[in-house]
PDB file of N, CA and C in Angstrom:
ATOM      1  N   MET A   1      95.784  11.206   3.975  1.00  0.00           N
ATOM      2  CA  MET A   1      95.313  10.861   5.691  1.00  0.00           C
ATOM      3  C   MET A   1      96.929  11.401   5.963  1.00  0.00           C
ATOM      4  N   GLN A   2      98.200  11.220   5.355  1.00  0.00           N
ATOM      5  CA  GLN A   2      99.136  11.196   6.097  1.00  0.00           C
ATOM      6  C   GLN A   2      99.676  12.261   6.307  1.00  0.00           C
ATOM      7  N   MET A   3      99.271  13.725   6.342  1.00  0.00           N
ATOM      8  CA  MET A   3      99.534  14.685   6.186  1.00  0.00           C
ATOM      9  C   MET A   3      99.187  15.250   7.149  1.00  0.00           C
ATOM     10  N   GLY A   4     100.709  14.903   8.548  1.00  0.00           N
ATOM     11  CA  GLY A   4     100.553  15.096  10.060  1.00  0.00           C
ATOM     12  C   GLY A   4      99.715  16.280  10.732  1.00  0.00           C
ATOM     13  N   GLY A   5      99.635  16.065  11.637  1.00  0.00           N
ATOM     14  CA  GLY A   5      99.397  17.775  12.553  1.00  0.00           C
ATOM     15  C   GLY A   5      97.567  18.258  12.449  1.00  0.00           C
ATOM     16  N   ALA A   6      97.849  19.272  13.735  1.00  0.00           N
ATOM     17  CA  ALA A   6      95.902  19.505  13.001  1.00  0.00           C
ATOM     18  C   ALA A   6      96.073  21.087  12.151  1.00  0.00           C
ATOM     19  N   ASP A   7      94.760  21.018  11.887  1.00  0.00           N
ATOM     20  CA  ASP A   7      94.580  21.777  10.726  1.00  0.00           C
ATOM     21  C   ASP A   7      94.226  23.248  11.645  1.00  0.00           C
ATOM     22  N   ALA A   8      93.521  24.383  10.762  1.00  0.00           N
ATOM     23  CA  ALA A   8      93.068  25.421  11.371  1.00  0.00           C
ATOM     24  C   ALA A   8      91.499  25.141  12.236  1.00  0.00           C
ATOM     25  N   HIS A   9      91.407  24.217  11.929  1.00  0.00           N
ATOM     26  CA  HIS A   9      89.885  23.739  12.854  1.00  0.00           C
ATOM     27  C   HIS A   9      89.876  22.760  14.000  1.00  0.00           C
ATOM     28  N   GLY A  10      91.259  22.388  14.582  1.00  0.00           N
ATOM     29  CA  GLY A  10      91.866  21.797  15.079  1.00  0.00           C
ATOM     30  C   GLY A  10      91.851  19.894  15.063  1.00  0.00           C
ATOM     31  N   LEU A  11      91.920  19.699  13.790  1.00  0.00           N
ATOM     32  CA  LEU A  11      91.271  18.161  13.149  1.00  0.00           C
ATOM     33  C   LEU A  11      92.615  18.378  12.927  1.00  0.00           C
ATOM     34  N   TYR A  12      93.017  16.553  13.713  1.00  0.00           N
ATOM     35  CA  TYR A  12      94.148  15.641  13.416  1.00  0.00           C
ATOM     36  C   TYR A  12      93.818  15.300  12.058  1.00  0.00           C
ATOM     37  N   SER A  13      94.715  15.427  11.457  1.00  0.00           N
ATOM     38  CA  SER A  13      94.835  14.355   9.548  1.00  0.00           C
ATOM     39  C   SER A  13      95.913  13.425   9.782  1.00  0.00           C
ATOM     40  N   GLY A  14      97.229  13.032  11.096  1.00  0.00           N
ATOM     41  CA  GLY A  14      98.149  12.423  10.784  1.00  0.00           C
ATOM     42  C   GLY A  14      98.099  10.663  10.697  1.00  0.00           C
ATOM     43  N   VAL A  15      97.435  10.337  10.060  1.00  0.00           N
ATOM     44  CA  VAL A  15      96.875   8.516  10.937  1.00  0.00           C
ATOM     45  C   VAL A  15      97.635   7.850   9.539  1.00  0.00           C
ATOM     46  N   ASP A  16      98.120   6.279  10.635  1.00  0.00           N
ATOM     47  CA  ASP A  16      98.743   5.990   9.434  1.00  0.00           C
ATOM     48  C   ASP A  16      97.779   5.174   8.536  1.00  0.00           C
ATOM     49  N   ALA A  17      98.159   5.480   7.301  1.00  0.00           N
ATOM     50  CA  ALA A  17      97.391   5.631   6.172  1.00  0.00           C
ATOM     51  C   ALA A  17      97.364   3.917   5.718  1.00  0.00           C
ATOM     52  N   LYS A  18      98.242   3.065   5.649  1.00  0.00           N
ATOM     53  CA  LYS A  18      98.629   1.913   5.412  1.00  0.00           C
ATOM     54  C   LYS A  18      97.851   0.854   6.757  1.00  0.00           C
ATOM     55  N   MET A  19      98.213   0.954   7.905  1.00  0.00           N
ATOM     56  CA  MET A  19      97.104   0.641   8.945  1.00  0.00           C
ATOM     57  C   MET A  19      95.134   0.698   8.527  1.00  0.00           C
ATOM     58  N   VAL A  20      95.090   1.910   7.964  1.00  0.00           N
ATOM     59  CA  VAL A  20      93.638   2.535   7.943  1.00  0.00           C
ATOM     60  C   VAL A  20      93.313   1.485   6.337  1.00  0.00           C
ATOM     61  N   TYR A  21      94.068   1.352   5.774  1.00  0.00           N
ATOM     62  CA  TYR A  21      93.370   0.516   4.185  1.00  0.00           C
ATOM     63  C   TYR A  21      93.609  -0.620   4.113  1.00  0.00           C
ATOM     64  N   SER A  22      94.382  -1.765   5.359  1.00  0.00           N
ATOM     65  CA  SER A  22      94.352  -2.847   5.589  1.00  0.00           C
ATOM     66  C   SER A  22      93.676  -3.311   6.395  1.00  0.00           C
ATOM     67  N   ALA A  23      92.915  -2.336   7.571  1.00  0.00           N
ATOM     68  CA  ALA A  23      91.572  -2.395   8.281  1.00  0.00           C
ATOM     69  C   ALA A  23      90.602  -2.323   7.581  1.00  0.00           C
ATOM     70  N   LEU A  24      89.942  -1.678   6.310  1.00  0.00           N
ATOM     71  CA  LEU A  24      89.250  -1.446   6.023  1.00  0.00           C
ATOM     72  C   LEU A  24      89.135  -2.257   4.505  1.00  0.00           C
ATOM     73  N   THR A  25      90.400  -3.369   3.926  1.00  0.00           N
ATOM     74  CA  THR A  25      90.122  -3.788   3.463  1.00  0.00           C
ATOM     75  C   THR A  25      90.378  -5.578   3.763  1.00  0.00           C
ATOM     76  N   LYS A  26      90.357  -5.546   5.677  1.00  0.00           N
ATOM     77  CA  LYS A  26      89.965  -7.060   5.958  1.00  0.00           C
ATOM     78  C   LYS A  26      88.275  -6.841   6.032  1.00  0.00           C
ATOM     79  N   PHE A  27      87.978  -6.066   6.494  1.00  0.00           N
ATOM     80  CA  PHE A  27      86.553  -5.798   7.037  1.00  0.00           C
ATOM     81  C   PHE A  27      85.438  -6.257   6.059  1.00  0.00           C
ATOM     82  N   LEU A  28      86.130  -5.498   4.481  1.00  0.00           N
ATOM     83  CA  LEU A  28      85.139  -5.767   3.510  1.00  0.00           C
ATOM     84  C   LEU A  28      85.198  -7.181   3.082  1.00  0.00           C
ATOM     85  N   GLU A  29      86.564  -7.830   3.301  1.00  0.00           N
ATOM     86  CA  GLU A  29      86.807  -9.564   3.066  1.00  0.00           C
ATOM     87  C   GLU A  29      86.037 -10.303   3.805  1.00  0.00           C
ATOM     88  N   VAL A  30      85.654  -9.899   5.530  1.00  0.00           N
ATOM     89  CA  VAL A  30      85.550 -10.726   6.372  1.00  0.00           C
ATOM     90  C   VAL A  30      83.728 -10.514   6.227  1.00  0.00           C
ATOM     91  N   SER A  31      83.253  -9.262   6.048  1.00  0.00           N
ATOM     92  CA  SER A  31      82.169  -9.036   5.799  1.00  0.00           C
ATOM     93  C   SER A  31      81.326  -8.918   4.559  1.00  0.00           C
ATOM     94  N   GLY A  32      81.946  -9.901   3.790  1.00  0.00           N
ATOM     95  CA  GLY A  32      81.284 -10.322   2.446  1.00  0.00           C
ATOM     96  C   GLY A  32      80.459  -9.105   2.003  1.00  0.00           C
ATOM     97  N   CYS A  33      80.774  -7.910   2.194  1.00  0.00           N
ATOM     98  CA  CYS A  33      80.589  -6.638   1.217  1.00  0.00           C
ATOM     99  C   CYS A  33      80.984  -6.339  -0.082  1.00  0.00           C
ATOM    100  N   ASP A  34      80.382  -6.268  -0.691  1.00  0.00           N
ATOM    101  CA  ASP A  34      81.299  -5.877  -2.021  1.00  0.00           C
ATOM    102  C   ASP A  34      81.240  -4.621  -2.641  1.00  0.00           C
ATOM    103  N   ALA A  35      81.332  -4.041  -1.771  1.00  0.00           N
ATOM    104  CA  ALA A  35      82.154  -2.710  -1.981  1.00  0.00           C
ATOM    105  C   ALA A  35      83.569  -2.692  -2.531  1.00  0.00           C
ATOM    106  N   ARG A  36      83.895  -1.779  -3.276  1.00  0.00           N
ATOM    107  CA  ARG A  36      84.999  -1.287  -3.216  1.00  0.00           C
ATOM    108  C   ARG A  36      85.880   0.064  -3.018  1.00  0.00           C
ATOM    109  N   ILE A  37      87.383  -0.260  -3.003  1.00  0.00           N
ATOM    110  CA  ILE A  37      88.374   0.737  -1.973  1.00  0.00           C
ATOM    111  C   ILE A  37      88.567   1.677  -3.232  1.00  0.00           C
ATOM    112  N   MET A  38      88.205   2.914  -3.426  1.00  0.00           N
ATOM    113  CA  MET A  38      88.515   4.075  -3.983  1.00  0.00           C
ATOM    114  C   MET A  38      89.675   4.301  -3.517  1.00  0.00           C
ATOM    115  N   ALA A  39      91.730   4.285  -3.570  1.00  0.00           N
ATOM    116  CA  ALA A  39      92.325   5.418  -3.289  1.00  0.00           C
ATOM    117  C   ALA A  39      91.949   6.593  -3.485  1.00  0.00           C
ATOM    118  N   CYS A  40      93.011   7.258  -2.981  1.00  0.00           N
ATOM    119  CA  CYS A  40      92.916   8.766  -3.847  1.00  0.00           C
ATOM    120  C   CYS A  40      94.443   9.262  -3.409  1.00  0.00           C
ATOM    121  N   ALA A  41      95.577   9.988  -4.593  1.00  0.00           N
ATOM    122  CA  ALA A  41      96.271  10.757  -4.949  1.00  0.00           C
ATOM    123  C   ALA A  41      97.403   9.687  -4.120  1.00  0.00           C
ATOM    124  N   PRO A  42      97.980   8.278  -4.578  1.00  0.00           N
ATOM    125  CA  PRO A  42      99.236   8.287  -3.738  1.00  0.00           C
ATOM    126  C   PRO A  42     100.339   9.010  -4.576  1.00  0.00           C
ATOM    127  N   ARG A  43     101.596   9.879  -3.381  1.00  0.00           N
ATOM    128  CA  ARG A  43     102.238  10.795  -4.098  1.00  0.00           C
ATOM    129  C   ARG A  43     103.093  10.177  -4.566  1.00  0.00           C
ATOM    130  N   ASN A  44     103.796   8.905  -4.644  1.00  0.00           N
ATOM    131  CA  ASN A  44     105.184   8.514  -5.373  1.00  0.00           C
ATOM    132  C   ASN A  44     104.815   6.883  -5.580  1.00  0.00           C
ATOM    133  N   PRO A  45     105.849   6.432  -6.059  1.00  0.00           N
ATOM    134  CA  PRO A  45     105.820   4.616  -6.252  1.00  0.00           C
ATOM    135  C   PRO A  45     105.440   3.860  -4.989  1.00  0.00           C
ATOM    136  N   ASP A  46     105.996   3.999  -4.080  1.00  0.00           N
ATOM    137  CA  ASP A  46     105.820   3.174  -3.633  1.00  0.00           C
ATOM    138  C   ASP A  46     104.440   3.025  -3.242  1.00  0.00           C
ATOM    139  N   GLU A  47     103.889   4.087  -2.835  1.00  0.00           N
ATOM    140  CA  GLU A  47     102.190   4.487  -2.473  1.00  0.00           C
ATOM    141  C   GLU A  47     101.756   3.946  -3.661  1.00  0.00           C
ATOM    142  N   LEU A  48     101.998   3.867  -4.838  1.00  0.00           N
ATOM    143  CA  LEU A  48     101.035   3.743  -6.011  1.00  0.00           C
ATOM    144  C   LEU A  48     101.553   2.373  -5.851  1.00  0.00           C
ATOM    145  N   SER A  49     102.277   1.228  -5.608  1.00  0.00           N
ATOM    146  CA  SER A  49     102.607   0.164  -5.775  1.00  0.00           C
ATOM    147  C   SER A  49     101.846  -0.397  -4.643  1.00  0.00           C
ATOM    148  N   TYR A  50     101.731  -0.386  -3.346  1.00  0.00           N
ATOM    149  CA  TYR A  50     101.261  -0.478  -2.526  1.00  0.00           C
ATOM    150  C   TYR A  50      99.831  -0.992  -2.758  1.00  0.00           C
ATOM    151  N   LEU A  51      99.222   0.355  -3.029  1.00  0.00           N
ATOM    152  CA  LEU A  51      97.653   0.224  -3.201  1.00  0.00           C
ATOM    153  C   LEU A  51      97.276  -0.732  -4.489  1.00  0.00           C
ATOM    154  N   ILE A  52      97.874  -0.696  -5.385  1.00  0.00           N
ATOM    155  CA  ILE A  52      98.058  -1.728  -6.504  1.00  0.00           C
ATOM    156  C   ILE A  52      97.821  -3.455  -6.043  1.00  0.00           C
ATOM    157  N   SER A  53      99.246  -3.073  -5.182  1.00  0.00           N
ATOM    158  CA  SER A  53      99.323  -4.785  -5.181  1.00  0.00           C
ATOM    159  C   SER A  53      98.512  -5.188  -3.763  1.00  0.00           C
ATOM    160  N   THR A  54      97.776  -4.498  -3.367  1.00  0.00           N
ATOM    161  CA  THR A  54      96.793  -4.646  -2.223  1.00  0.00           C
ATOM    162  C   THR A  54      95.130  -4.621  -2.064  1.00  0.00           C
ATOM    163  N   GLY A  55      94.929  -4.487  -3.519  1.00  0.00           N
ATOM    164  CA  GLY A  55      94.116  -4.834  -4.144  1.00  0.00           C
ATOM    165  C   GLY A  55      92.811  -3.227  -4.289  1.00  0.00           C
ATOM    166  N   ALA A  56      93.249  -2.245  -4.181  1.00  0.00           N
ATOM    167  CA  ALA A  56      92.756  -1.063  -4.666  1.00  0.00           C
ATOM    168  C   ALA A  56      92.119  -1.543  -5.979  1.00  0.00           C
ATOM    169  N   ARG A  57      91.032  -0.940  -6.412  1.00  0.00           N
ATOM    170  CA  ARG A  57      89.700  -1.333  -7.485  1.00  0.00           C
ATOM    171  C   ARG A  57      90.266  -0.147  -7.993  1.00  0.00           C
ATOM    172  N   SER A  58      90.195   1.055  -7.942  1.00  0.00           N
ATOM    173  CA  SER A  58      90.420   2.493  -8.342  1.00  0.00           C
ATOM    174  C   SER A  58      91.151   3.011  -8.232  1.00  0.00           C
ATOM    175  N   ILE A  59      92.259   3.706  -8.165  1.00  0.00           N
ATOM    176  CA  ILE A  59      92.816   5.165  -7.553  1.00  0.00           C
ATOM    177  C   ILE A  59      92.855   6.378  -8.822  1.00  0.00           C
ATOM    178  N   ALA A  60      92.424   7.127  -7.769  1.00  0.00           N
ATOM    179  CA  ALA A  60      92.344   8.704  -8.355  1.00  0.00           C
ATOM    180  C   ALA A  60      93.922   9.021  -8.298  1.00  0.00           C
ATOM    181  N   LEU A  61      94.296   9.814  -9.357  1.00  0.00           N
ATOM    182  CA  LEU A  61      95.542  10.022  -9.502  1.00  0.00           C
ATOM    183  C   LEU A  61      95.833  11.063 -10.441  1.00  0.00           C
ATOM    184  N   ASP A  62      96.155  12.526  -9.774  1.00  0.00           N
ATOM    185  CA  ASP A  62      96.485  13.546 -10.665  1.00  0.00           C
ATOM    186  C   ASP A  62      97.396  12.923 -12.041  1.00  0.00           C
ATOM    187  N   PRO A  63      97.110  13.518 -13.352  1.00  0.00           N
ATOM    188  CA  PRO A  63      98.144  13.189 -14.380  1.00  0.00           C
ATOM    189  C   PRO A  63      99.605  13.855 -14.063  1.00  0.00           C
ATOM    190  N   VAL A  64      99.696  14.550 -13.543  1.00  0.00           N
ATOM    191  CA  VAL A  64     101.253  14.913 -13.540  1.00  0.00           C
ATOM    192  C   VAL A  64     101.869  13.914 -12.374  1.00  0.00           C
ATOM    193  N   ASP A  65     100.735  13.643 -11.102  1.00  0.00           N
ATOM    194  CA  ASP A  65     101.623  12.584 -10.479  1.00  0.00           C
ATOM    195  C   ASP A  65     101.631  10.982 -11.081  1.00  0.00           C
ATOM    196  N   PHE A  66     100.572  10.762 -11.788  1.00  0.00           N
ATOM    197  CA  PHE A  66     100.622   9.493 -12.730  1.00  0.00           C
ATOM    198  C   PHE A  66     102.082   9.755 -13.534  1.00  0.00           C
ATOM    199  N   ASP A  67     102.448  10.607 -14.486  1.00  0.00           N
ATOM    200  CA  ASP A  67     103.634  10.716 -14.895  1.00  0.00           C
ATOM    201  C   ASP A  67     105.374  10.334 -13.914  1.00  0.00           C
ATOM    202  N   ASN A  68     104.829  10.997 -12.965  1.00  0.00           N
ATOM    203  CA  ASN A  68     105.953  10.960 -11.844  1.00  0.00           C
ATOM    204  C   ASN A  68     106.267   9.654 -11.870  1.00  0.00           C
ATOM    205  N   CYS A  69     105.162   8.858 -11.277  1.00  0.00           N
ATOM    206  CA  CYS A  69     104.951   7.426 -10.588  1.00  0.00           C
ATOM    207  C   CYS A  69     105.338   6.141 -11.678  1.00  0.00           C
ATOM    208  N   PHE A  70     105.486   6.921 -13.127  1.00  0.00           N
ATOM    209  CA  PHE A  70     105.523   5.666 -13.979  1.00  0.00           C
ATOM    210  C   PHE A  70     106.577   6.260 -14.425  1.00  0.00           C
ATOM    211  N   ASN A  71     107.425   6.793 -14.408  1.00  0.00           N
ATOM    212  CA  ASN A  71     108.467   7.516 -15.110  1.00  0.00           C
ATOM    213  C   ASN A  71     109.588   7.094 -13.571  1.00  0.00           C
ATOM    214  N   ALA A  72     108.844   6.522 -12.666  1.00  0.00           N
ATOM    215  CA  ALA A  72     110.282   6.441 -11.889  1.00  0.00           C
ATOM    216  C   ALA A  72     110.511   5.088 -12.205  1.00  0.00           C
ATOM    217  N   CYS A  73     112.211   4.673 -11.620  1.00  0.00           N
ATOM    218  CA  CYS A  73     112.603   4.033 -11.748  1.00  0.00           C
ATOM    219  C   CYS A  73     112.056   2.488 -11.273  1.00  0.00           C
ATOM    220  N   HIS A  74     111.503   3.146 -10.126  1.00  0.00           N
ATOM    221  CA  HIS A  74     110.634   1.521 -10.021  1.00  0.00           C
ATOM    222  C   HIS A  74     109.607   0.847 -11.029  1.00  0.00           C
ATOM    223  N   PHE A  75     108.690   1.686 -11.902  1.00  0.00           N
ATOM    224  CA  PHE A  75     108.268   1.284 -12.397  1.00  0.00           C
ATOM    225  C   PHE A  75     109.103   1.308 -14.601  1.00  0.00           C
ATOM    226  N   LEU A  76     110.490   1.668 -14.487  1.00  0.00           N
ATOM    227  CA  LEU A  76     110.781   1.944 -15.776  1.00  0.00           C
ATOM    228  C   LEU A  76     110.942   0.123 -16.211  1.00  0.00           C
ATOM    229  N   ASN A  77     111.121  -0.703 -15.532  1.00  0.00           N
ATOM    230  CA  ASN A  77     111.212  -2.147 -16.570  1.00  0.00           C
ATOM    231  C   ASN A  77     110.452  -2.791 -16.203  1.00  0.00           C
ATOM    232  N   LEU A  78     109.127  -2.483 -15.493  1.00  0.00           N
ATOM    233  CA  LEU A  78     107.823  -3.249 -15.109  1.00  0.00           C
ATOM    234  C   LEU A  78     107.029  -4.139 -16.493  1.00  0.00           C
ATOM    235  N   ASN A  79     106.768  -3.000 -17.469  1.00  0.00           N
ATOM    236  CA  ASN A  79     106.655  -3.659 -18.876  1.00  0.00           C
ATOM    237  C   ASN A  79     107.238  -4.901 -19.214  1.00  0.00           C
ATOM    238  N   HIS A  80     109.045  -4.967 -19.520  1.00  0.00           N
ATOM    239  CA  HIS A  80     109.468  -6.044 -19.748  1.00  0.00           C
ATOM    240  C   HIS A  80     109.324  -6.898 -19.176  1.00  0.00           C
ATOM    241  N   ASP A  81     109.749  -6.935 -17.707  1.00  0.00           N
ATOM    242  CA  ASP A  81     109.313  -7.862 -16.750  1.00  0.00           C
ATOM    243  C   ASP A  81     108.048  -8.911 -16.656  1.00  0.00           C
ATOM    244  N   VAL A  82     107.237  -7.944 -16.816  1.00  0.00           N
ATOM    245  CA  VAL A  82     106.378  -8.966 -17.219  1.00  0.00           C
ATOM    246  C   VAL A  82     105.859  -9.470 -18.368  1.00  0.00           C
ATOM    247  N   ARG A  83     106.285  -9.030 -19.585  1.00  0.00           N
ATOM    248  CA  ARG A  83     106.421  -9.450 -20.696  1.00  0.00           C
ATOM    249  C   ARG A  83     107.318 -10.992 -20.707  1.00  0.00           C
ATOM    250  N   SER A  84     108.184 -10.823 -20.256  1.00  0.00           N
ATOM    251  CA  SER A  84     109.098 -11.728 -19.868  1.00  0.00           C
ATOM    252  C   SER A  84     109.042 -13.180 -19.330  1.00  0.00           C
ATOM    253  N   SER A  85     108.168 -12.797 -18.429  1.00  0.00           N
ATOM    254  CA  SER A  85     107.438 -13.778 -17.383  1.00  0.00           C
ATOM    255  C   SER A  85     106.259 -14.410 -17.542  1.00  0.00           C
ATOM    256  N   TRP A  86     105.715 -13.624 -18.495  1.00  0.00           N
ATOM    257  CA  TRP A  86     104.530 -14.192 -19.399  1.00  0.00           C
ATOM    258  C   TRP A  86     104.941 -14.915 -20.453  1.00  0.00           C
ATOM    259  N   GLU A  87     106.091 -14.752 -20.725  1.00  0.00           N
ATOM    260  CA  GLU A  87     106.532 -15.515 -22.146  1.00  0.00           C
ATOM    261  C   GLU A  87     107.494 -16.882 -21.632  1.00  0.00           C
ATOM    262  N   SER A  88     108.043 -16.553 -20.507  1.00  0.00           N
ATOM    263  CA  SER A  88     108.808 -17.639 -19.602  1.00  0.00           C
ATOM    264  C   SER A  88     107.468 -18.948 -19.398  1.00  0.00           C
ATOM    265  N   VAL A  89     106.006 -18.469 -19.182  1.00  0.00           N
ATOM    266  CA  VAL A  89     104.845 -19.278 -19.442  1.00  0.00           C
ATOM    267  C   VAL A  89     104.306 -19.577 -20.403  1.00  0.00           C
ATOM    268  N   PHE A  90     103.874 -18.662 -21.042  1.00  0.00           N
ATOM    269  CA  PHE A  90     102.807 -19.251 -21.517  1.00  0.00           C
ATOM    270  C   PHE A  90     103.297 -19.249 -23.415  1.00  0.00           C
ATOM    271  N   GLY A  91     104.835 -18.609 -22.784  1.00  0.00           N
ATOM    272  CA  GLY A  91     105.598 -18.503 -24.674  1.00  0.00           C
ATOM    273  C   GLY A  91     104.865 -17.039 -25.071  1.00  0.00           C
ATOM    274  N   ASP A  92     104.585 -17.379 -26.639  1.00  0.00           N
ATOM    275  CA  ASP A  92     104.395 -16.051 -27.456  1.00  0.00           C
ATOM    276  C   ASP A  92     102.757 -16.212 -27.690  1.00  0.00           C
ATOM    277  N   VAL A  93     102.028 -16.270 -26.763  1.00  0.00           N
ATOM    278  CA  VAL A  93     100.212 -16.092 -26.827  1.00  0.00           C
ATOM    279  C   VAL A  93     100.439 -15.447 -26.063  1.00  0.00           C
ATOM    280  N   ASN A  94      99.234 -14.603 -26.639  1.00  0.00           N
ATOM    281  CA  ASN A  94      98.813 -13.325 -25.585  1.00  0.00           C
ATOM    282  C   ASN A  94      97.290 -13.808 -25.096  1.00  0.00           C
ATOM    283  N   ALA A  95      96.986 -12.965 -23.858  1.00  0.00           N
ATOM    284  CA  ALA A  95      95.949 -13.449 -22.314  1.00  0.00           C
ATOM    285  C   ALA A  95      94.767 -13.475 -23.756  1.00  0.00           C
ATOM    286  N   TYR A  96      94.715 -12.606 -24.365  1.00  0.00           N
ATOM    287  CA  TYR A  96      93.019 -12.448 -25.204  1.00  0.00           C
ATOM    288  C   TYR A  96      92.898 -13.417 -26.222  1.00  0.00           C
ATOM    289  N   ASP A  97      94.386 -14.702 -26.602  1.00  0.00           N
ATOM    290  CA  ASP A  97      93.563 -15.987 -27.220  1.00  0.00           C
ATOM    291  C   ASP A  97      93.781 -16.929 -25.798  1.00  0.00           C
ATOM    292  N   LEU A  98      93.905 -16.773 -24.910  1.00  0.00           N
ATOM    293  CA  LEU A  98      93.542 -18.293 -23.993  1.00  0.00           C
ATOM    294  C   LEU A  98      92.418 -18.179 -23.652  1.00  0.00           C
ATOM    295  N   VAL A  99      92.117 -16.366 -23.905  1.00  0.00           N
ATOM    296  CA  VAL A  99      90.100 -16.619 -23.494  1.00  0.00           C
ATOM    297  C   VAL A  99      89.189 -16.955 -24.352  1.00  0.00           C
ATOM    298  N   LYS A 100      89.757 -17.097 -25.533  1.00  0.00           N
ATOM    299  CA  LYS A 100      88.695 -17.276 -26.640  1.00  0.00           C
ATOM    300  C   LYS A 100      88.096 -18.493 -26.584  1.00  0.00           C
TER     301      LYS A 100
END
C-alpha cells in the first residue's frame, strides 16, 4: 500500500497503510464480523511490530524478510525480556502447566 505514485495503468497506490489497517480493524470490531486480517509483506521490524501489536491474525512474510526483521536490534532481546517479565510474575512455571 505504501509504494506511492501512479503505476503504468495510472492507478495510484500510495496510501497510508496504517490508516487503512486501523480503519479495517475498527470496522471488524464495531460490526462484530468474525473476519480476520492477514497482513502481507511488512518491510522492516517497525512495520512487523505494528502489525503484531495491533492484532493482525496472520502475516505473510518472505523468509529473507523474516530473517531481516527478527535479527534486527528491535527483536534481539525480545525472548530474554519476555522470559524475565514472565518469571517476575509466575516464577519458574511455564504456560502449559498453568492451563492443565
